Amino acid sequence: MKQLYENDQLVFRYCTEDGKYAEGNFPVNPNGAFHDIAGICDPTGTVFGLMPHPERAFYGWQLPDWTKTERISENGDGKQIFESMVEYLKKHF
């Protein structure tokens, strides 16, 4: 864990809407992930492991609460993850 922190390998962590770490609290940390870790990378930053499934939230109608909203957004949060990866690759490779 110390190396993950020191090498800045914690890519995603579960947090509240105001950016505070979930501290293991459900439903913000839905699986009880240790240190609220949702995604890590290798020391080079080129290998990435992710617990949540952004492909399941690419479109607004894929979000779990879409039937309860008055207006369904065209895209879900998962799209932002894929777009940020593409932008990173464009800049660095």
C-alpha atoms as a PDB file:
ATOM      1  CA  MET A   1       0.000   0.000   0.000  1.00  0.00           C
ATOM      2  CA  LYS A   2       2.819   2.352   0.859  1.00  0.00           C
ATOM      3  CA  GLN A   3       4.324   1.894  -2.625  1.00  0.00           C
ATOM      4  CA  LEU A   4       0.960   2.474  -4.329  1.00  0.00           C
ATOM      5  CA  TYR A   5       0.609   5.784  -2.507  1.00  0.00           C
ATOM      6  CA  GLU A   6       4.228   6.818  -2.988  1.00  0.00           C
ATOM      7  CA  ASN A   7       4.206   5.979  -6.717  1.00  0.00           C
ATOM      8  CA  ASP A   8       0.867   7.742  -7.271  1.00  0.00           C
ATOM      9  CA  GLN A   9      -0.663   4.509  -8.568  1.00  0.00           C
ATOM     10  CA  LEU A  10      -4.142   5.020  -7.083  1.00  0.00           C
ATOM     11  CA  VAL A  11      -6.032   6.193 -10.150  1.00  0.00           C
ATOM     12  CA  PHE A  12      -9.615   6.113  -8.831  1.00  0.00           C
ATOM     13  CA  ARG A  13     -10.999   6.043  -5.324  1.00  0.00           C
ATOM     14  CA  TYR A  14     -14.611   5.976  -4.223  1.00  0.00           C
ATOM     15  CA  CYS A  15     -15.636   9.373  -2.878  1.00  0.00           C
ATOM     16  CA  THR A  16     -18.680  11.435  -2.032  1.00  0.00           C
ATOM     17  CA  GLU A  17     -20.117  14.052  -4.361  1.00  0.00           C
ATOM     18  CA  ASP A  18     -18.067  16.722  -2.576  1.00  0.00           C
ATOM     19  CA  GLY A  19     -14.810  14.802  -3.123  1.00  0.00           C
ATOM     20  CA  LYS A  20     -14.290  13.295   0.340  1.00  0.00           C
ATOM     21  CA  TYR A  21     -13.160   9.672   0.485  1.00  0.00           C
ATOM     22  CA  ALA A  22     -15.958   7.225   1.196  1.00  0.00           C
ATOM     23  CA  GLU A  23     -14.113   5.680   4.168  1.00  0.00           C
ATOM     24  CA  GLY A  24     -15.624   2.320   3.291  1.00  0.00           C
ATOM     25  CA  ASN A  25     -19.192   3.576   3.661  1.00  0.00           C
ATOM     26  CA  PHE A  26     -21.922   1.981   1.574  1.00  0.00           C
ATOM     27  CA  PRO A  27     -23.334   2.949  -0.901  1.00  0.00           C
ATOM     28  CA  VAL A  28     -20.533   5.368  -1.852  1.00  0.00           C
ATOM     29  CA  ASN A  29     -18.036   2.501  -1.656  1.00  0.00           C
ATOM     30  CA  PRO A  30     -20.405  -0.218  -2.922  1.00  0.00           C
ATOM     31  CA  ASN A  31     -18.070  -3.184  -2.481  1.00  0.00           C
ATOM     32  CA  GLY A  32     -16.165  -2.197   0.668  1.00  0.00           C
ATOM     33  CA  ALA A  33     -12.926  -1.725  -1.261  1.00  0.00           C
ATOM     34  CA  PHE A  34      -9.823  -1.357   0.900  1.00  0.00           C
ATOM     35  CA  HIS A  35      -8.778   2.322   1.151  1.00  0.00           C
ATOM     36  CA  ASP A  36     -11.747   3.073  -1.152  1.00  0.00           C
ATOM     37  CA  ILE A  37      -9.606   1.976  -4.110  1.00  0.00           C
ATOM     38  CA  ALA A  38     -11.526   1.614  -7.361  1.00  0.00           C
ATOM     39  CA  GLY A  39      -8.628   1.665  -9.849  1.00  0.00           C
ATOM     40  CA  ILE A  40      -4.853   1.312  -9.796  1.00  0.00           C
ATOM     41  CA  CYS A  41      -2.078   1.378 -12.365  1.00  0.00           C
ATOM     42  CA  ASP A  42       1.402  -0.065 -12.645  1.00  0.00           C
ATOM     43  CA  PRO A  43       4.390   2.207 -11.884  1.00  0.00           C
ATOM     44  CA  THR A  44       4.676   3.218 -15.556  1.00  0.00           C
ATOM     45  CA  GLY A  45       1.024   4.268 -15.719  1.00  0.00           C
ATOM     46  CA  THR A  46       0.409   2.157 -18.813  1.00  0.00           C
ATOM     47  CA  VAL A  47      -1.370  -0.828 -17.208  1.00  0.00           C
ATOM     48  CA  PHE A  48      -4.647   0.030 -15.522  1.00  0.00           C
ATOM     49  CA  GLY A  49      -6.993  -2.105 -13.419  1.00  0.00           C
ATOM     50  CA  LEU A  50     -10.502  -0.928 -12.593  1.00  0.00           C
ATOM     51  CA  MET A  51     -13.232  -2.399 -10.400  1.00  0.00           C
ATOM     52  CA  PRO A  52     -16.272  -0.376 -11.529  1.00  0.00           C
ATOM     53  CA  HIS A  53     -17.445  -1.022 -15.059  1.00  0.00           C
ATOM     54  CA  PRO A  54     -17.574   2.290 -16.966  1.00  0.00           C
ATOM     55  CA  GLU A  55     -18.918   0.524 -20.045  1.00  0.00           C
ATOM     56  CA  ARG A  56     -22.078  -0.112 -18.031  1.00  0.00           C
ATOM     57  CA  ALA A  57     -22.602   3.629 -17.587  1.00  0.00           C
ATOM     58  CA  PHE A  58     -21.647   4.922 -21.025  1.00  0.00           C
ATOM     59  CA  TYR A  59     -25.170   6.092 -21.899  1.00  0.00           C
ATOM     60  CA  GLY A  60     -27.634   7.790 -19.566  1.00  0.00           C
ATOM     61  CA  TRP A  61     -30.161   4.990 -19.930  1.00  0.00           C
ATOM     62  CA  GLN A  62     -27.595   2.547 -18.516  1.00  0.00           C
ATOM     63  CA  LEU A  63     -27.420   4.320 -15.135  1.00  0.00           C
ATOM     64  CA  PRO A  64     -29.143   2.431 -12.305  1.00  0.00           C
ATOM     65  CA  ASP A  65     -31.548   5.267 -11.475  1.00  0.00           C
ATOM     66  CA  TRP A  66     -32.501   6.268 -15.020  1.00  0.00           C
ATOM     67  CA  THR A  67     -36.159   5.330 -14.534  1.00  0.00           C
ATOM     68  CA  LYS A  68     -36.443   7.727 -11.584  1.00  0.00           C
ATOM     69  CA  THR A  69     -35.118  10.795 -13.384  1.00  0.00           C
ATOM     70  CA  GLU A  70     -37.288  13.249 -15.251  1.00  0.00           C
ATOM     71  CA  ARG A  71     -34.746  13.781 -18.006  1.00  0.00           C
ATOM     72  CA  ILE A  72     -32.281  11.078 -18.992  1.00  0.00           C
ATOM     73  CA  SER A  73     -28.885  12.458 -19.906  1.00  0.00           C
ATOM     74  CA  GLU A  74     -27.514  11.332 -23.252  1.00  0.00           C
ATOM     75  CA  ASN A  75     -24.283  10.043 -21.708  1.00  0.00           C
ATOM     76  CA  GLY A  76     -23.335   8.595 -18.352  1.00  0.00           C
ATOM     77  CA  ASP A  77     -20.205   9.057 -16.270  1.00  0.00           C
ATOM     78  CA  GLY A  78     -18.529   6.069 -17.900  1.00  0.00           C
ATOM     79  CA  LYS A  79     -18.116   7.970 -21.153  1.00  0.00           C
ATOM     80  CA  GLN A  80     -15.901  10.535 -19.400  1.00  0.00           C
ATOM     81  CA  ILE A  81     -13.543   7.777 -18.276  1.00  0.00           C
ATOM     82  CA  PHE A  82     -13.094   6.481 -21.821  1.00  0.00           C
ATOM     83  CA  GLU A  83     -12.710   9.991 -23.240  1.00  0.00           C
ATOM     84  CA  SER A  84     -10.037  10.875 -20.675  1.00  0.00           C
ATOM     85  CA  MET A  85      -8.097   7.712 -21.558  1.00  0.00           C
ATOM     86  CA  VAL A  86      -8.209   8.588 -25.258  1.00  0.00           C
ATOM     87  CA  GLU A  87      -7.014  12.140 -24.529  1.00  0.00           C
ATOM     88  CA  TYR A  88      -4.168  10.841 -22.379  1.00  0.00           C
ATOM     89  CA  LEU A  89      -3.044   8.455 -25.116  1.00  0.00           C
ATOM     90  CA  LYS A  90      -3.190  11.202 -27.738  1.00  0.00           C
ATOM     91  CA  LYS A  91      -0.966  13.449 -25.621  1.00  0.00           C
ATOM     92  CA  HIS A  92       1.571  10.841 -24.562  1.00  0.00           C
ATOM     93  CA  PHE A  93       1.901   8.380 -27.453  1.00  0.00           C
END
